[in-house]
N, C-alpha and C. Protein backbone atom coordinates (compact mmCIF):
# COMPACT_ATOMS: atom_id res chain seq x y z
N MET A 1 76.81 24.70 18.54
CA MET A 1 75.43 24.72 18.99
C MET A 1 74.76 23.38 18.71
N VAL A 2 75.08 22.79 17.56
CA VAL A 2 74.48 21.51 17.20
C VAL A 2 74.94 20.43 18.18
N LEU A 3 76.23 20.48 18.57
CA LEU A 3 76.74 19.49 19.51
C LEU A 3 76.08 19.62 20.88
N LEU A 4 75.80 20.84 21.29
CA LEU A 4 75.13 21.06 22.57
C LEU A 4 73.74 20.44 22.56
N ILE A 5 72.99 20.70 21.52
CA ILE A 5 71.64 20.15 21.41
C ILE A 5 71.69 18.63 21.32
N LEU A 6 72.62 18.11 20.54
CA LEU A 6 72.77 16.66 20.41
C LEU A 6 73.15 16.04 21.76
N GLY A 7 74.06 16.67 22.47
CA GLY A 7 74.46 16.17 23.78
C GLY A 7 73.31 16.16 24.77
N LEU A 8 72.52 17.22 24.78
CA LEU A 8 71.34 17.27 25.66
C LEU A 8 70.31 16.23 25.26
N ALA A 9 70.11 16.07 23.96
CA ALA A 9 69.12 15.11 23.47
C ALA A 9 69.51 13.67 23.84
N ILE A 10 70.80 13.41 23.95
CA ILE A 10 71.25 12.07 24.32
C ILE A 10 71.29 11.90 25.84
N SER A 11 71.80 12.90 26.56
CA SER A 11 72.05 12.73 27.98
C SER A 11 70.79 12.79 28.84
N ILE A 12 69.83 13.62 28.50
CA ILE A 12 68.62 13.74 29.33
C ILE A 12 67.85 12.42 29.39
N PRO A 13 67.58 11.75 28.27
CA PRO A 13 66.90 10.45 28.38
C PRO A 13 67.71 9.41 29.14
N LEU A 14 69.05 9.45 29.02
CA LEU A 14 69.89 8.51 29.77
C LEU A 14 69.78 8.75 31.27
N VAL A 15 69.77 10.00 31.68
CA VAL A 15 69.65 10.33 33.10
C VAL A 15 68.28 9.89 33.62
N ILE A 16 67.24 10.15 32.87
CA ILE A 16 65.89 9.75 33.28
C ILE A 16 65.78 8.23 33.38
N PHE A 17 66.31 7.52 32.40
CA PHE A 17 66.28 6.07 32.42
C PHE A 17 67.07 5.53 33.61
N GLY A 18 68.25 6.08 33.85
CA GLY A 18 69.08 5.64 34.97
C GLY A 18 68.41 5.89 36.31
N ALA A 19 67.79 7.06 36.47
CA ALA A 19 67.10 7.38 37.72
C ALA A 19 65.92 6.44 37.94
N THR A 20 65.18 6.15 36.88
CA THR A 20 64.05 5.23 37.00
C THR A 20 64.53 3.83 37.40
N LEU A 21 65.62 3.40 36.80
CA LEU A 21 66.18 2.09 37.13
C LEU A 21 66.63 2.04 38.58
N LEU A 22 67.29 3.10 39.06
CA LEU A 22 67.75 3.14 40.45
C LEU A 22 66.58 3.14 41.42
N VAL A 23 65.52 3.87 41.11
CA VAL A 23 64.35 3.90 41.99
C VAL A 23 63.73 2.51 42.09
N LYS A 24 63.62 1.81 40.98
CA LYS A 24 63.07 0.45 41.00
C LYS A 24 63.95 -0.49 41.80
N LEU A 25 65.27 -0.37 41.64
CA LEU A 25 66.19 -1.21 42.40
C LEU A 25 66.12 -0.91 43.90
N MET A 26 66.00 0.37 44.26
CA MET A 26 65.92 0.73 45.67
C MET A 26 64.61 0.27 46.29
N ASP A 27 63.53 0.26 45.52
CA ASP A 27 62.27 -0.27 46.03
C ASP A 27 62.37 -1.77 46.28
N ARG A 28 63.05 -2.46 45.40
CA ARG A 28 63.16 -3.91 45.52
C ARG A 28 64.22 -4.32 46.55
N PHE A 29 65.33 -3.61 46.60
CA PHE A 29 66.42 -3.92 47.52
C PHE A 29 66.76 -2.68 48.35
N PRO A 30 66.07 -2.43 49.46
CA PRO A 30 66.30 -1.22 50.26
C PRO A 30 67.70 -1.13 50.85
N VAL A 31 68.43 -2.24 50.91
CA VAL A 31 69.79 -2.20 51.46
C VAL A 31 70.70 -1.32 50.60
N ILE A 32 70.33 -1.10 49.36
CA ILE A 32 71.11 -0.22 48.48
C ILE A 32 71.20 1.18 49.08
N ILE A 33 70.13 1.62 49.71
CA ILE A 33 70.12 2.96 50.32
C ILE A 33 71.12 3.02 51.48
N THR A 34 71.15 1.97 52.29
CA THR A 34 72.08 1.92 53.41
C THR A 34 73.52 1.86 52.92
N ILE A 35 73.77 1.07 51.88
CA ILE A 35 75.11 0.98 51.31
C ILE A 35 75.55 2.33 50.74
N GLY A 36 74.65 3.00 50.05
CA GLY A 36 74.97 4.32 49.50
C GLY A 36 75.26 5.34 50.59
N GLY A 37 74.47 5.31 51.67
CA GLY A 37 74.73 6.20 52.80
C GLY A 37 76.07 5.91 53.45
N GLY A 38 76.38 4.62 53.59
CA GLY A 38 77.67 4.24 54.15
C GLY A 38 78.83 4.70 53.29
N LEU A 39 78.66 4.61 51.98
CA LEU A 39 79.71 5.08 51.07
C LEU A 39 79.92 6.59 51.21
N ILE A 40 78.84 7.33 51.34
CA ILE A 40 78.96 8.78 51.54
C ILE A 40 79.67 9.07 52.87
N GLY A 41 79.35 8.31 53.93
CA GLY A 41 80.03 8.47 55.21
C GLY A 41 81.51 8.16 55.12
N TRP A 42 81.86 7.12 54.36
CA TRP A 42 83.27 6.74 54.18
C TRP A 42 84.04 7.87 53.49
N VAL A 43 83.48 8.38 52.42
CA VAL A 43 84.15 9.46 51.67
C VAL A 43 84.27 10.71 52.52
N ALA A 44 83.22 11.03 53.29
CA ALA A 44 83.26 12.22 54.14
C ALA A 44 84.34 12.09 55.21
N GLY A 45 84.45 10.91 55.83
CA GLY A 45 85.49 10.70 56.84
C GLY A 45 86.88 10.83 56.27
N GLU A 46 87.10 10.23 55.10
CA GLU A 46 88.42 10.34 54.46
C GLU A 46 88.73 11.78 54.07
N MET A 47 87.74 12.47 53.52
CA MET A 47 87.98 13.86 53.10
C MET A 47 88.30 14.75 54.29
N LEU A 48 87.68 14.48 55.42
CA LEU A 48 87.91 15.30 56.60
C LEU A 48 89.36 15.25 57.05
N VAL A 49 89.93 14.06 57.10
CA VAL A 49 91.29 13.94 57.64
C VAL A 49 92.38 14.17 56.60
N THR A 50 92.06 14.13 55.31
CA THR A 50 93.08 14.37 54.29
C THR A 50 93.06 15.79 53.75
N ASP A 51 92.18 16.62 54.29
CA ASP A 51 92.13 18.02 53.85
C ASP A 51 93.40 18.73 54.30
N LEU A 52 94.15 19.25 53.34
CA LEU A 52 95.43 19.90 53.66
C LEU A 52 95.25 21.16 54.49
N ALA A 53 94.06 21.76 54.46
CA ALA A 53 93.80 22.94 55.29
C ALA A 53 93.81 22.57 56.77
N LEU A 54 93.55 21.32 57.11
CA LEU A 54 93.55 20.89 58.51
C LEU A 54 94.85 20.23 58.93
N LYS A 55 95.83 20.18 58.03
CA LYS A 55 97.08 19.47 58.31
C LYS A 55 97.80 20.03 59.53
N ASP A 56 97.92 21.35 59.63
CA ASP A 56 98.62 21.94 60.78
C ASP A 56 97.89 21.65 62.08
N TRP A 57 96.57 21.75 62.05
CA TRP A 57 95.77 21.49 63.25
C TRP A 57 95.89 20.03 63.68
N LEU A 58 95.78 19.12 62.71
CA LEU A 58 95.89 17.69 63.03
C LEU A 58 97.29 17.33 63.50
N THR A 59 98.31 17.97 62.93
CA THR A 59 99.68 17.72 63.37
C THR A 59 99.85 18.15 64.83
N GLY A 60 99.21 19.24 65.19
CA GLY A 60 99.24 19.70 66.59
C GLY A 60 98.56 18.72 67.53
N LEU A 61 97.65 17.93 67.01
CA LEU A 61 96.96 16.93 67.84
C LEU A 61 97.72 15.60 67.91
N GLY A 62 98.86 15.53 67.24
CA GLY A 62 99.68 14.32 67.30
C GLY A 62 99.55 13.40 66.11
N ILE A 63 98.96 13.88 65.04
CA ILE A 63 98.82 13.08 63.82
C ILE A 63 100.10 13.23 63.02
N ALA A 64 100.69 12.11 62.61
CA ALA A 64 101.90 12.12 61.80
C ALA A 64 101.51 11.98 60.33
N TYR A 65 102.26 12.66 59.46
CA TYR A 65 101.99 12.61 58.02
C TYR A 65 103.15 11.95 57.30
N ARG A 66 102.82 11.00 56.44
CA ARG A 66 103.79 10.38 55.54
C ARG A 66 103.24 10.48 54.13
N ASP A 67 103.93 11.18 53.25
CA ASP A 67 103.48 11.40 51.87
C ASP A 67 102.09 12.02 51.84
N ASP A 68 101.86 13.02 52.67
CA ASP A 68 100.57 13.71 52.79
C ASP A 68 99.42 12.79 53.19
N LYS A 69 99.72 11.67 53.81
CA LYS A 69 98.71 10.75 54.32
C LYS A 69 98.80 10.76 55.84
N PRO A 70 97.67 10.96 56.53
CA PRO A 70 97.70 11.03 58.00
C PRO A 70 97.74 9.64 58.65
N PHE A 71 98.55 9.54 59.70
CA PHE A 71 98.67 8.29 60.46
C PHE A 71 98.55 8.61 61.94
N LEU A 72 97.88 7.72 62.65
CA LEU A 72 97.71 7.86 64.09
C LEU A 72 98.16 6.56 64.73
N GLY A 73 99.26 6.61 65.47
CA GLY A 73 99.79 5.42 66.11
C GLY A 73 100.17 4.33 65.12
N GLY A 74 100.61 4.70 63.95
CA GLY A 74 101.00 3.74 62.94
C GLY A 74 99.86 3.25 62.05
N TYR A 75 98.63 3.62 62.38
CA TYR A 75 97.47 3.22 61.59
C TYR A 75 97.02 4.36 60.69
N SER A 76 96.53 4.02 59.53
CA SER A 76 96.07 5.03 58.58
C SER A 76 94.82 5.72 59.12
N LEU A 77 94.93 7.02 59.31
CA LEU A 77 93.79 7.78 59.81
C LEU A 77 92.68 7.86 58.76
N GLU A 78 93.04 7.70 57.49
CA GLU A 78 92.02 7.67 56.43
C GLU A 78 91.07 6.51 56.65
N LEU A 79 91.62 5.34 56.92
CA LEU A 79 90.78 4.16 57.13
C LEU A 79 89.95 4.27 58.40
N ILE A 80 90.57 4.79 59.45
CA ILE A 80 89.86 4.94 60.73
C ILE A 80 88.70 5.92 60.58
N ALA A 81 88.99 7.09 59.98
CA ALA A 81 87.94 8.10 59.82
C ALA A 81 86.86 7.63 58.86
N GLY A 82 87.24 6.88 57.83
CA GLY A 82 86.25 6.34 56.91
C GLY A 82 85.31 5.37 57.61
N ALA A 83 85.87 4.48 58.43
CA ALA A 83 85.04 3.53 59.17
C ALA A 83 84.13 4.24 60.17
N ILE A 84 84.64 5.25 60.83
CA ILE A 84 83.81 6.02 61.77
C ILE A 84 82.71 6.74 61.01
N GLY A 85 83.02 7.28 59.84
CA GLY A 85 82.00 7.95 59.03
C GLY A 85 80.89 7.00 58.62
N VAL A 86 81.26 5.78 58.22
CA VAL A 86 80.25 4.78 57.86
C VAL A 86 79.37 4.48 59.07
N ALA A 87 79.99 4.25 60.21
CA ALA A 87 79.23 3.91 61.42
C ALA A 87 78.26 5.02 61.80
N ILE A 88 78.72 6.26 61.76
CA ILE A 88 77.86 7.38 62.14
C ILE A 88 76.67 7.48 61.20
N VAL A 89 76.92 7.43 59.90
CA VAL A 89 75.83 7.60 58.93
C VAL A 89 74.83 6.45 59.01
N VAL A 90 75.31 5.22 59.09
CA VAL A 90 74.41 4.07 59.10
C VAL A 90 73.60 4.02 60.40
N VAL A 91 74.25 4.21 61.54
CA VAL A 91 73.53 4.17 62.81
C VAL A 91 72.53 5.31 62.91
N LEU A 92 72.94 6.50 62.54
CA LEU A 92 72.03 7.64 62.58
C LEU A 92 70.86 7.44 61.62
N GLY A 93 71.13 6.92 60.44
CA GLY A 93 70.07 6.65 59.48
C GLY A 93 69.08 5.63 59.98
N LYS A 94 69.57 4.56 60.60
CA LYS A 94 68.69 3.53 61.16
C LYS A 94 67.84 4.10 62.29
N CYS A 95 68.45 4.90 63.16
CA CYS A 95 67.69 5.51 64.27
C CYS A 95 66.60 6.45 63.76
N LEU A 96 66.94 7.26 62.78
CA LEU A 96 65.94 8.18 62.22
C LEU A 96 64.83 7.42 61.50
N ALA A 97 65.17 6.33 60.82
CA ALA A 97 64.15 5.53 60.14
C ALA A 97 63.23 4.89 61.16
N ARG A 98 63.79 4.39 62.24
CA ARG A 98 62.96 3.77 63.29
C ARG A 98 62.05 4.80 63.93
N ARG A 99 62.57 6.00 64.17
CA ARG A 99 61.75 7.07 64.75
C ARG A 99 60.61 7.44 63.82
N HIS A 100 60.90 7.51 62.53
CA HIS A 100 59.87 7.85 61.53
C HIS A 100 58.80 6.77 61.49
N GLU A 101 59.21 5.50 61.52
CA GLU A 101 58.23 4.40 61.50
C GLU A 101 57.36 4.41 62.75
N THR A 102 57.96 4.70 63.91
CA THR A 102 57.21 4.75 65.15
C THR A 102 56.20 5.89 65.12
N ALA A 103 56.62 7.05 64.63
CA ALA A 103 55.71 8.20 64.54
C ALA A 103 54.58 7.92 63.57
N ALA A 104 54.89 7.26 62.45
CA ALA A 104 53.85 6.96 61.46
C ALA A 104 52.84 5.96 62.02
N SER A 105 53.32 4.94 62.74
CA SER A 105 52.39 3.96 63.30
C SER A 105 51.56 4.57 64.42
N THR A 106 52.15 5.46 65.23
CA THR A 106 51.40 6.14 66.28
C THR A 106 50.32 7.02 65.68
N GLU A 107 50.67 7.74 64.64
CA GLU A 107 49.70 8.61 63.97
C GLU A 107 48.57 7.78 63.37
N LYS A 108 48.92 6.63 62.82
CA LYS A 108 47.91 5.75 62.23
C LYS A 108 46.95 5.25 63.30
N LEU A 109 47.49 4.89 64.47
CA LEU A 109 46.63 4.44 65.57
C LEU A 109 45.72 5.55 66.07
N LEU A 110 46.26 6.76 66.15
CA LEU A 110 45.46 7.88 66.64
C LEU A 110 44.34 8.23 65.68
N THR A 111 44.60 8.18 64.40
CA THR A 111 43.54 8.49 63.42
C THR A 111 42.52 7.36 63.36
N LYS A 112 42.92 6.15 63.67
CA LYS A 112 42.00 5.00 63.66
C LYS A 112 41.02 5.10 64.82
N GLU A 113 41.50 5.60 65.98
CA GLU A 113 40.65 5.71 67.17
C GLU A 113 39.61 6.80 67.04
N GLU A 114 39.89 7.82 66.25
CA GLU A 114 38.95 8.94 66.12
C GLU A 114 37.81 8.58 65.29
């Protein structure tokens, strides 16, 4: 019980400090958000094609496996899917951010005219 309390007493302030530091860094360098989103897209793409539950389905589509690693036409499908995941997440994020900025500026103009 003492170790649990000690662990919580140490870890909670560390998490709060780390979160505060990350928020300050993201405010100063917004590209960190894009990089983080891209990393999540990369991991999602790799996880999708390396999931063993999809191995039979992907094999039926012509994907070859070597040492439980998927290959398409001699190229690593992990790398291809990771790159596609990055592209999807970053492009979609940029489009949504632009739409949000446009809506906010339109709303600002409309409230200014009233």
